[in-house]
Amino acid sequence: MVDLLSLARANPDWPLQNAQPPSELLRGIAEKEVEATKKRKQPTEDQLLTAPAIVYGFSFSIKKWGFFDVRGLREITFEDQAYDQWS
């Protein structure tokens, strides 16, 4: 889960480098942007070029806060026949 604000609240002494969590006043604006983003299909070229390579959040698999390198992310390729192979 990518959530810089919750990480900052749960770990006030966490070294965030140059990342800054949004203030409480900006949270409402950020939530509106999240809703607008849900409607958008693909990020623009400018958004891709200016997106951070590292994001902060919570790993549900190891149950810890941390940062994640997202430079290698790519679109998921689904294998529709995967379950049929186990028959």
PDB file of N, CA and C in Angstrom:
ATOM      1  N   MET A   1       0.851  -1.145   0.000  1.00  0.00           N
ATOM      2  CA  MET A   1       0.000   0.000   0.000  1.00  0.00           C
ATOM      3  C   MET A   1       0.910   1.225   0.000  1.00  0.00           C
ATOM      4  N   VAL A   2       0.771   2.061  -0.973  1.00  0.00           N
ATOM      5  CA  VAL A   2       1.553   3.292  -1.045  1.00  0.00           C
ATOM      6  C   VAL A   2       0.790   4.361  -0.290  1.00  0.00           C
ATOM      7  N   ASP A   3       1.372   4.836   0.820  1.00  0.00           N
ATOM      8  CA  ASP A   3       0.679   5.805   1.669  1.00  0.00           C
ATOM      9  C   ASP A   3       1.701   6.570   2.502  1.00  0.00           C
ATOM     10  N   LEU A   4       2.214   7.639   1.962  1.00  0.00           N
ATOM     11  CA  LEU A   4       3.241   8.437   2.624  1.00  0.00           C
ATOM     12  C   LEU A   4       2.704   9.103   3.880  1.00  0.00           C
ATOM     13  N   LEU A   5       1.470   9.574   3.858  1.00  0.00           N
ATOM     14  CA  LEU A   5       0.897  10.247   5.015  1.00  0.00           C
ATOM     15  C   LEU A   5       0.778   9.294   6.197  1.00  0.00           C
ATOM     16  N   SER A   6       0.274   8.090   5.988  1.00  0.00           N
ATOM     17  CA  SER A   6       0.144   7.121   7.082  1.00  0.00           C
ATOM     18  C   SER A   6       1.508   6.680   7.599  1.00  0.00           C
ATOM     19  N   LEU A   7       2.477   6.527   6.700  1.00  0.00           N
ATOM     20  CA  LEU A   7       3.827   6.173   7.135  1.00  0.00           C
ATOM     21  C   LEU A   7       4.379   7.262   8.053  1.00  0.00           C
ATOM     22  N   ALA A   8       4.205   8.516   7.690  1.00  0.00           N
ATOM     23  CA  ALA A   8       4.714   9.630   8.492  1.00  0.00           C
ATOM     24  C   ALA A   8       4.022   9.685   9.852  1.00  0.00           C
ATOM     25  N   ARG A   9       2.733   9.377   9.895  1.00  0.00           N
ATOM     26  CA  ARG A   9       2.012   9.356  11.169  1.00  0.00           C
ATOM     27  C   ARG A   9       2.480   8.202  12.055  1.00  0.00           C
ATOM     28  N   ALA A  10       2.626   7.013  11.473  1.00  0.00           N
ATOM     29  CA  ALA A  10       2.997   5.829  12.239  1.00  0.00           C
ATOM     30  C   ALA A  10       4.461   5.835  12.649  1.00  0.00           C
ATOM     31  N   ASN A  11       5.301   6.511  11.886  1.00  0.00           N
ATOM     32  CA  ASN A  11       6.747   6.532  12.122  1.00  0.00           C
ATOM     33  C   ASN A  11       7.279   7.951  11.994  1.00  0.00           C
ATOM     34  N   PRO A  12       7.016   8.810  12.983  1.00  0.00           N
ATOM     35  CA  PRO A  12       7.403  10.222  12.841  1.00  0.00           C
ATOM     36  C   PRO A  12       8.899  10.462  12.657  1.00  0.00           C
ATOM     37  N   ASP A  13       9.738   9.538  13.078  1.00  0.00           N
ATOM     38  CA  ASP A  13      11.184   9.722  12.935  1.00  0.00           C
ATOM     39  C   ASP A  13      11.755   9.043  11.691  1.00  0.00           C
ATOM     40  N   TRP A  14      10.895   8.548  10.818  1.00  0.00           N
ATOM     41  CA  TRP A  14      11.339   7.843   9.610  1.00  0.00           C
ATOM     42  C   TRP A  14      12.082   8.820   8.694  1.00  0.00           C
ATOM     43  N   PRO A  15      13.273   8.444   8.195  1.00  0.00           N
ATOM     44  CA  PRO A  15      14.006   9.339   7.282  1.00  0.00           C
ATOM     45  C   PRO A  15      13.377   9.335   5.887  1.00  0.00           C
ATOM     46  N   LEU A  16      12.616  10.363   5.568  1.00  0.00           N
ATOM     47  CA  LEU A  16      11.885  10.422   4.299  1.00  0.00           C
ATOM     48  C   LEU A  16      12.689  11.032   3.163  1.00  0.00           C
ATOM     49  N   GLN A  17      13.961  11.299   3.386  1.00  0.00           N
ATOM     50  CA  GLN A  17      14.807  11.937   2.367  1.00  0.00           C
ATOM     51  C   GLN A  17      14.129  13.220   1.914  1.00  0.00           C
ATOM     52  N   ASN A  18      13.856  13.375   0.619  1.00  0.00           N
ATOM     53  CA  ASN A  18      13.236  14.609   0.139  1.00  0.00           C
ATOM     54  C   ASN A  18      11.719  14.478  -0.019  1.00  0.00           C
ATOM     55  N   ALA A  19      11.146  13.318   0.325  1.00  0.00           N
ATOM     56  CA  ALA A  19       9.695  13.144   0.250  1.00  0.00           C
ATOM     57  C   ALA A  19       9.049  13.865   1.425  1.00  0.00           C
ATOM     58  N   GLN A  20       7.959  14.533   1.170  1.00  0.00           N
ATOM     59  CA  GLN A  20       7.245  15.243   2.218  1.00  0.00           C
ATOM     60  C   GLN A  20       5.793  14.795   2.230  1.00  0.00           C
ATOM     61  N   PRO A  21       5.314  14.302   3.383  1.00  0.00           N
ATOM     62  CA  PRO A  21       3.901  13.911   3.436  1.00  0.00           C
ATOM     63  C   PRO A  21       3.010  15.129   3.326  1.00  0.00           C
ATOM     64  N   PRO A  22       1.844  14.981   2.735  1.00  0.00           N
ATOM     65  CA  PRO A  22       0.932  16.119   2.625  1.00  0.00           C
ATOM     66  C   PRO A  22       0.410  16.513   4.006  1.00  0.00           C
ATOM     67  N   SER A  23       0.133  17.783   4.183  1.00  0.00           N
ATOM     68  CA  SER A  23      -0.425  18.251   5.451  1.00  0.00           C
ATOM     69  C   SER A  23      -1.889  17.840   5.525  1.00  0.00           C
ATOM     70  N   GLU A  24      -2.458  17.972   6.700  1.00  0.00           N
ATOM     71  CA  GLU A  24      -3.876  17.634   6.883  1.00  0.00           C
ATOM     72  C   GLU A  24      -4.761  18.505   5.988  1.00  0.00           C
ATOM     73  N   LEU A  25      -4.348  19.766   5.774  1.00  0.00           N
ATOM     74  CA  LEU A  25      -5.139  20.646   4.919  1.00  0.00           C
ATOM     75  C   LEU A  25      -5.163  20.161   3.476  1.00  0.00           C
ATOM     76  N   LEU A  26      -4.069  19.552   3.034  1.00  0.00           N
ATOM     77  CA  LEU A  26      -3.984  19.088   1.658  1.00  0.00           C
ATOM     78  C   LEU A  26      -4.590  17.706   1.461  1.00  0.00           C
ATOM     79  N   ARG A  27      -4.906  17.017   2.542  1.00  0.00           N
ATOM     80  CA  ARG A  27      -5.404  15.645   2.427  1.00  0.00           C
ATOM     81  C   ARG A  27      -6.690  15.564   1.590  1.00  0.00           C
ATOM     82  N   GLY A  28      -7.605  16.508   1.793  1.00  0.00           N
ATOM     83  CA  GLY A  28      -8.839  16.521   1.015  1.00  0.00           C
ATOM     84  C   GLY A  28      -8.569  16.691  -0.469  1.00  0.00           C
ATOM     85  N   ILE A  29      -7.616  17.552  -0.805  1.00  0.00           N
ATOM     86  CA  ILE A  29      -7.240  17.753  -2.198  1.00  0.00           C
ATOM     87  C   ILE A  29      -6.633  16.472  -2.753  1.00  0.00           C
ATOM     88  N   ALA A  30      -5.769  15.827  -1.963  1.00  0.00           N
ATOM     89  CA  ALA A  30      -5.140  14.583  -2.404  1.00  0.00           C
ATOM     90  C   ALA A  30      -6.187  13.506  -2.648  1.00  0.00           C
ATOM     91  N   GLU A  31      -7.197  13.430  -1.787  1.00  0.00           N
ATOM     92  CA  GLU A  31      -8.253  12.427  -1.969  1.00  0.00           C
ATOM     93  C   GLU A  31      -9.032  12.689  -3.252  1.00  0.00           C
ATOM     94  N   LYS A  32      -9.270  13.957  -3.587  1.00  0.00           N
ATOM     95  CA  LYS A  32      -9.957  14.288  -4.837  1.00  0.00           C
ATOM     96  C   LYS A  32      -9.101  13.883  -6.037  1.00  0.00           C
ATOM     97  N   GLU A  33      -7.782  14.073  -5.910  1.00  0.00           N
ATOM     98  CA  GLU A  33      -6.887  13.672  -6.994  1.00  0.00           C
ATOM     99  C   GLU A  33      -6.885  12.161  -7.171  1.00  0.00           C
ATOM    100  N   VAL A  34      -6.974  11.416  -6.074  1.00  0.00           N
ATOM    101  CA  VAL A  34      -7.035   9.953  -6.158  1.00  0.00           C
ATOM    102  C   VAL A  34      -8.290   9.543  -6.923  1.00  0.00           C
ATOM    103  N   GLU A  35      -9.419  10.167  -6.626  1.00  0.00           N
ATOM    104  CA  GLU A  35     -10.659   9.842  -7.336  1.00  0.00           C
ATOM    105  C   GLU A  35     -10.534  10.165  -8.817  1.00  0.00           C
ATOM    106  N   ALA A  36      -9.916  11.306  -9.139  1.00  0.00           N
ATOM    107  CA  ALA A  36      -9.721  11.669 -10.544  1.00  0.00           C
ATOM    108  C   ALA A  36      -8.780  10.690 -11.230  1.00  0.00           C
ATOM    109  N   THR A  37      -7.763  10.230 -10.496  1.00  0.00           N
ATOM    110  CA  THR A  37      -6.799   9.285 -11.062  1.00  0.00           C
ATOM    111  C   THR A  37      -7.454   7.947 -11.367  1.00  0.00           C
ATOM    112  N   LYS A  38      -8.400   7.523 -10.540  1.00  0.00           N
ATOM    113  CA  LYS A  38      -9.095   6.251 -10.769  1.00  0.00           C
ATOM    114  C   LYS A  38      -9.820   6.261 -12.114  1.00  0.00           C
ATOM    115  N   LYS A  39     -10.268   7.429 -12.549  1.00  0.00           N
ATOM    116  CA  LYS A  39     -10.993   7.546 -13.814  1.00  0.00           C
ATOM    117  C   LYS A  39     -10.055   7.562 -15.013  1.00  0.00           C
ATOM    118  N   ARG A  40      -8.781   7.917 -14.785  1.00  0.00           N
ATOM    119  CA  ARG A  40      -7.797   8.014 -15.851  1.00  0.00           C
ATOM    120  C   ARG A  40      -7.266   6.624 -16.167  1.00  0.00           C
ATOM    121  N   LYS A  41      -7.181   6.264 -17.425  1.00  0.00           N
ATOM    122  CA  LYS A  41      -6.724   4.937 -17.830  1.00  0.00           C
ATOM    123  C   LYS A  41      -5.211   4.791 -17.805  1.00  0.00           C
ATOM    124  N   GLN A  42      -4.501   5.681 -18.456  1.00  0.00           N
ATOM    125  CA  GLN A  42      -3.042   5.596 -18.569  1.00  0.00           C
ATOM    126  C   GLN A  42      -2.424   6.918 -18.134  1.00  0.00           C
ATOM    127  N   PRO A  43      -1.274   6.879 -17.460  1.00  0.00           N
ATOM    128  CA  PRO A  43      -0.611   8.141 -17.124  1.00  0.00           C
ATOM    129  C   PRO A  43      -0.097   8.825 -18.385  1.00  0.00           C
ATOM    130  N   THR A  44      -0.019  10.140 -18.314  1.00  0.00           N
ATOM    131  CA  THR A  44       0.502  10.882 -19.453  1.00  0.00           C
ATOM    132  C   THR A  44       2.016  10.698 -19.518  1.00  0.00           C
ATOM    133  N   GLU A  45       2.612  11.053 -20.627  1.00  0.00           N
ATOM    134  CA  GLU A  45       4.063  10.959 -20.794  1.00  0.00           C
ATOM    135  C   GLU A  45       4.781  11.823 -19.760  1.00  0.00           C
ATOM    136  N   ASP A  46       4.261  13.035 -19.516  1.00  0.00           N
ATOM    137  CA  ASP A  46       4.859  13.918 -18.510  1.00  0.00           C
ATOM    138  C   ASP A  46       4.792  13.310 -17.121  1.00  0.00           C
ATOM    139  N   GLN A  47       3.681  12.665 -16.792  1.00  0.00           N
ATOM    140  CA  GLN A  47       3.554  12.028 -15.485  1.00  0.00           C
ATOM    141  C   GLN A  47       4.557  10.891 -15.336  1.00  0.00           C
ATOM    142  N   LEU A  48       4.753  10.131 -16.386  1.00  0.00           N
ATOM    143  CA  LEU A  48       5.721   9.036 -16.322  1.00  0.00           C
ATOM    144  C   LEU A  48       7.141   9.554 -16.133  1.00  0.00           C
ATOM    145  N   LEU A  49       7.461  10.654 -16.797  1.00  0.00           N
ATOM    146  CA  LEU A  49       8.806  11.206 -16.704  1.00  0.00           C
ATOM    147  C   LEU A  49       9.098  11.839 -15.344  1.00  0.00           C
ATOM    148  N   THR A  50       8.071  12.352 -14.682  1.00  0.00           N
ATOM    149  CA  THR A  50       8.276  13.030 -13.407  1.00  0.00           C
ATOM    150  C   THR A  50       7.892  12.188 -12.200  1.00  0.00           C
ATOM    151  N   ALA A  51       7.455  10.969 -12.422  1.00  0.00           N
ATOM    152  CA  ALA A  51       7.065  10.097 -11.305  1.00  0.00           C
ATOM    153  C   ALA A  51       8.293   9.670 -10.501  1.00  0.00           C
ATOM    154  N   PRO A  52       8.144   9.541  -9.181  1.00  0.00           N
ATOM    155  CA  PRO A  52       9.293   9.123  -8.371  1.00  0.00           C
ATOM    156  C   PRO A  52       9.658   7.662  -8.629  1.00  0.00           C
ATOM    157  N   ALA A  53      10.942   7.350  -8.488  1.00  0.00           N
ATOM    158  CA  ALA A  53      11.407   5.967  -8.651  1.00  0.00           C
ATOM    159  C   ALA A  53      11.215   5.167  -7.375  1.00  0.00           C
ATOM    160  N   ILE A  54      11.068   5.864  -6.261  1.00  0.00           N
ATOM    161  CA  ILE A  54      10.861   5.207  -4.973  1.00  0.00           C
ATOM    162  C   ILE A  54       9.605   5.779  -4.340  1.00  0.00           C
ATOM    163  N   VAL A  55       8.752   4.884  -3.834  1.00  0.00           N
ATOM    164  CA  VAL A  55       7.558   5.307  -3.115  1.00  0.00           C
ATOM    165  C   VAL A  55       7.577   4.670  -1.732  1.00  0.00           C
ATOM    166  N   TYR A  56       6.924   5.314  -0.786  1.00  0.00           N
ATOM    167  CA  TYR A  56       6.878   4.840   0.583  1.00  0.00           C
ATOM    168  C   TYR A  56       5.515   4.226   0.866  1.00  0.00           C
ATOM    169  N   GLY A  57       5.516   3.157   1.654  1.00  0.00           N
ATOM    170  CA  GLY A  57       4.259   2.525   1.978  1.00  0.00           C
ATOM    171  C   GLY A  57       4.424   1.343   2.908  1.00  0.00           C
ATOM    172  N   PHE A  58       3.403   0.494   2.942  1.00  0.00           N
ATOM    173  CA  PHE A  58       3.350  -0.652   3.848  1.00  0.00           C
ATOM    174  C   PHE A  58       3.305  -1.937   3.037  1.00  0.00           C
ATOM    175  N   SER A  59       4.152  -2.894   3.433  1.00  0.00           N
ATOM    176  CA  SER A  59       4.152  -4.206   2.783  1.00  0.00           C
ATOM    177  C   SER A  59       3.280  -5.142   3.601  1.00  0.00           C
ATOM    178  N   PHE A  60       2.197  -5.606   3.008  1.00  0.00           N
ATOM    179  CA  PHE A  60       1.319  -6.533   3.709  1.00  0.00           C
ATOM    180  C   PHE A  60       1.960  -7.912   3.855  1.00  0.00           C
ATOM    181  N   SER A  61       2.856  -8.264   2.955  1.00  0.00           N
ATOM    182  CA  SER A  61       3.481  -9.591   3.026  1.00  0.00           C
ATOM    183  C   SER A  61       4.475  -9.704   4.176  1.00  0.00           C
ATOM    184  N   ILE A  62       5.222  -8.632   4.470  1.00  0.00           N
ATOM    185  CA  ILE A  62       6.179  -8.702   5.585  1.00  0.00           C
ATOM    186  C   ILE A  62       5.732  -7.860   6.782  1.00  0.00           C
ATOM    187  N   LYS A  63       4.578  -7.196   6.661  1.00  0.00           N
ATOM    188  CA  LYS A  63       3.984  -6.416   7.755  1.00  0.00           C
ATOM    189  C   LYS A  63       4.922  -5.326   8.280  1.00  0.00           C
ATOM    190  N   LYS A  64       5.538  -4.586   7.355  1.00  0.00           N
ATOM    191  CA  LYS A  64       6.451  -3.508   7.739  1.00  0.00           C
ATOM    192  C   LYS A  64       6.291  -2.318   6.806  1.00  0.00           C
ATOM    193  N   TRP A  65       6.583  -1.133   7.349  1.00  0.00           N
ATOM    194  CA  TRP A  65       6.664   0.073   6.552  1.00  0.00           C
ATOM    195  C   TRP A  65       8.008   0.099   5.852  1.00  0.00           C
ATOM    196  N   GLY A  66       8.067   0.706   4.699  1.00  0.00           N
ATOM    197  CA  GLY A  66       9.325   0.793   3.987  1.00  0.00           C
ATOM    198  C   GLY A  66       9.208   1.611   2.722  1.00  0.00           C
ATOM    199  N   PHE A  67      10.214   1.496   1.875  1.00  0.00           N
ATOM    200  CA  PHE A  67      10.160   2.177   0.588  1.00  0.00           C
ATOM    201  C   PHE A  67      10.353   1.142  -0.505  1.00  0.00           C
ATOM    202  N   PHE A  68       9.784   1.425  -1.654  1.00  0.00           N
ATOM    203  CA  PHE A  68       9.736   0.466  -2.743  1.00  0.00           C
ATOM    204  C   PHE A  68      10.266   1.094  -4.024  1.00  0.00           C
ATOM    205  N   ASP A  69      11.173   0.403  -4.668  1.00  0.00           N
ATOM    206  CA  ASP A  69      11.729   0.841  -5.947  1.00  0.00           C
ATOM    207  C   ASP A  69      10.743   0.419  -7.037  1.00  0.00           C
ATOM    208  N   VAL A  70      10.173   1.380  -7.723  1.00  0.00           N
ATOM    209  CA  VAL A  70       9.146   1.077  -8.715  1.00  0.00           C
ATOM    210  C   VAL A  70       9.635   1.287 -10.150  1.00  0.00           C
ATOM    211  N   ARG A  71      10.950   1.418 -10.329  1.00  0.00           N
ATOM    212  CA  ARG A  71      11.475   1.651 -11.679  1.00  0.00           C
ATOM    213  C   ARG A  71      11.232   0.464 -12.601  1.00  0.00           C
ATOM    214  N   GLY A  72      11.196  -0.740 -12.072  1.00  0.00           N
ATOM    215  CA  GLY A  72      11.054  -1.922 -12.916  1.00  0.00           C
ATOM    216  C   GLY A  72       9.628  -2.392 -13.110  1.00  0.00           C
ATOM    217  N   LEU A  73       8.656  -1.619 -12.622  1.00  0.00           N
ATOM    218  CA  LEU A  73       7.269  -2.053 -12.785  1.00  0.00           C
ATOM    219  C   LEU A  73       6.862  -2.028 -14.246  1.00  0.00           C
ATOM    220  N   ARG A  74       6.039  -2.977 -14.605  1.00  0.00           N
ATOM    221  CA  ARG A  74       5.515  -3.018 -15.961  1.00  0.00           C
ATOM    222  C   ARG A  74       4.100  -3.578 -15.907  1.00  0.00           C
ATOM    223  N   GLU A  75       3.401  -3.448 -16.981  1.00  0.00           N
ATOM    224  CA  GLU A  75       2.028  -3.923 -17.043  1.00  0.00           C
ATOM    225  C   GLU A  75       1.986  -5.438 -16.846  1.00  0.00           C
ATOM    226  N   ILE A  76       0.998  -5.897 -16.117  1.00  0.00           N
ATOM    227  CA  ILE A  76       0.848  -7.330 -15.852  1.00  0.00           C
ATOM    228  C   ILE A  76       0.325  -8.024 -17.102  1.00  0.00           C
ATOM    229  N   THR A  77       0.941  -9.155 -17.435  1.00  0.00           N
ATOM    230  CA  THR A  77       0.456  -9.993 -18.522  1.00  0.00           C
ATOM    231  C   THR A  77      -0.243 -11.190 -17.891  1.00  0.00           C
ATOM    232  N   PHE A  78      -1.526 -11.270 -18.085  1.00  0.00           N
ATOM    233  CA  PHE A  78      -2.298 -12.353 -17.493  1.00  0.00           C
ATOM    234  C   PHE A  78      -2.284 -13.573 -18.413  1.00  0.00           C
ATOM    235  N   GLU A  79      -2.173 -14.735 -17.822  1.00  0.00           N
ATOM    236  CA  GLU A  79      -2.236 -15.994 -18.558  1.00  0.00           C
ATOM    237  C   GLU A  79      -3.611 -16.600 -18.284  1.00  0.00           C
ATOM    238  N   ASP A  80      -4.524 -16.429 -19.240  1.00  0.00           N
ATOM    239  CA  ASP A  80      -5.900 -16.893 -19.057  1.00  0.00           C
ATOM    240  C   ASP A  80      -6.008 -18.399 -18.902  1.00  0.00           C
ATOM    241  N   GLN A  81      -5.063 -19.153 -19.439  1.00  0.00           N
ATOM    242  CA  GLN A  81      -5.144 -20.618 -19.408  1.00  0.00           C
ATOM    243  C   GLN A  81      -4.380 -21.228 -18.219  1.00  0.00           C
ATOM    244  N   ALA A  82      -3.867 -20.423 -17.328  1.00  0.00           N
ATOM    245  CA  ALA A  82      -3.015 -20.934 -16.242  1.00  0.00           C
ATOM    246  C   ALA A  82      -3.727 -21.966 -15.379  1.00  0.00           C
ATOM    247  N   TYR A  83      -4.954 -21.745 -15.019  1.00  0.00           N
ATOM    248  CA  TYR A  83      -5.675 -22.697 -14.167  1.00  0.00           C
ATOM    249  C   TYR A  83      -5.999 -23.982 -14.902  1.00  0.00           C
ATOM    250  N   ASP A  84      -6.194 -23.902 -16.195  1.00  0.00           N
ATOM    251  CA  ASP A  84      -6.504 -25.094 -16.994  1.00  0.00           C
ATOM    252  C   ASP A  84      -5.317 -26.057 -17.042  1.00  0.00           C
ATOM    253  N   GLN A  85      -4.106 -25.562 -16.854  1.00  0.00           N
ATOM    254  CA  GLN A  85      -2.908 -26.407 -16.932  1.00  0.00           C
ATOM    255  C   GLN A  85      -2.799 -27.347 -15.727  1.00  0.00           C
ATOM    256  N   TRP A  86      -3.477 -27.073 -14.631  1.00  0.00           N
ATOM    257  CA  TRP A  86      -3.386 -27.893 -13.426  1.00  0.00           C
ATOM    258  C   TRP A  86      -4.384 -29.036 -13.433  1.00  0.00           C
ATOM    259  N   SER A  87      -5.222 -29.121 -14.424  1.00  0.00           N
ATOM    260  CA  SER A  87      -6.242 -30.181 -14.483  1.00  0.00           C
ATOM    261  C   SER A  87      -5.646 -31.525 -14.862  1.00  0.00           C
TER     262      SER A  87
END
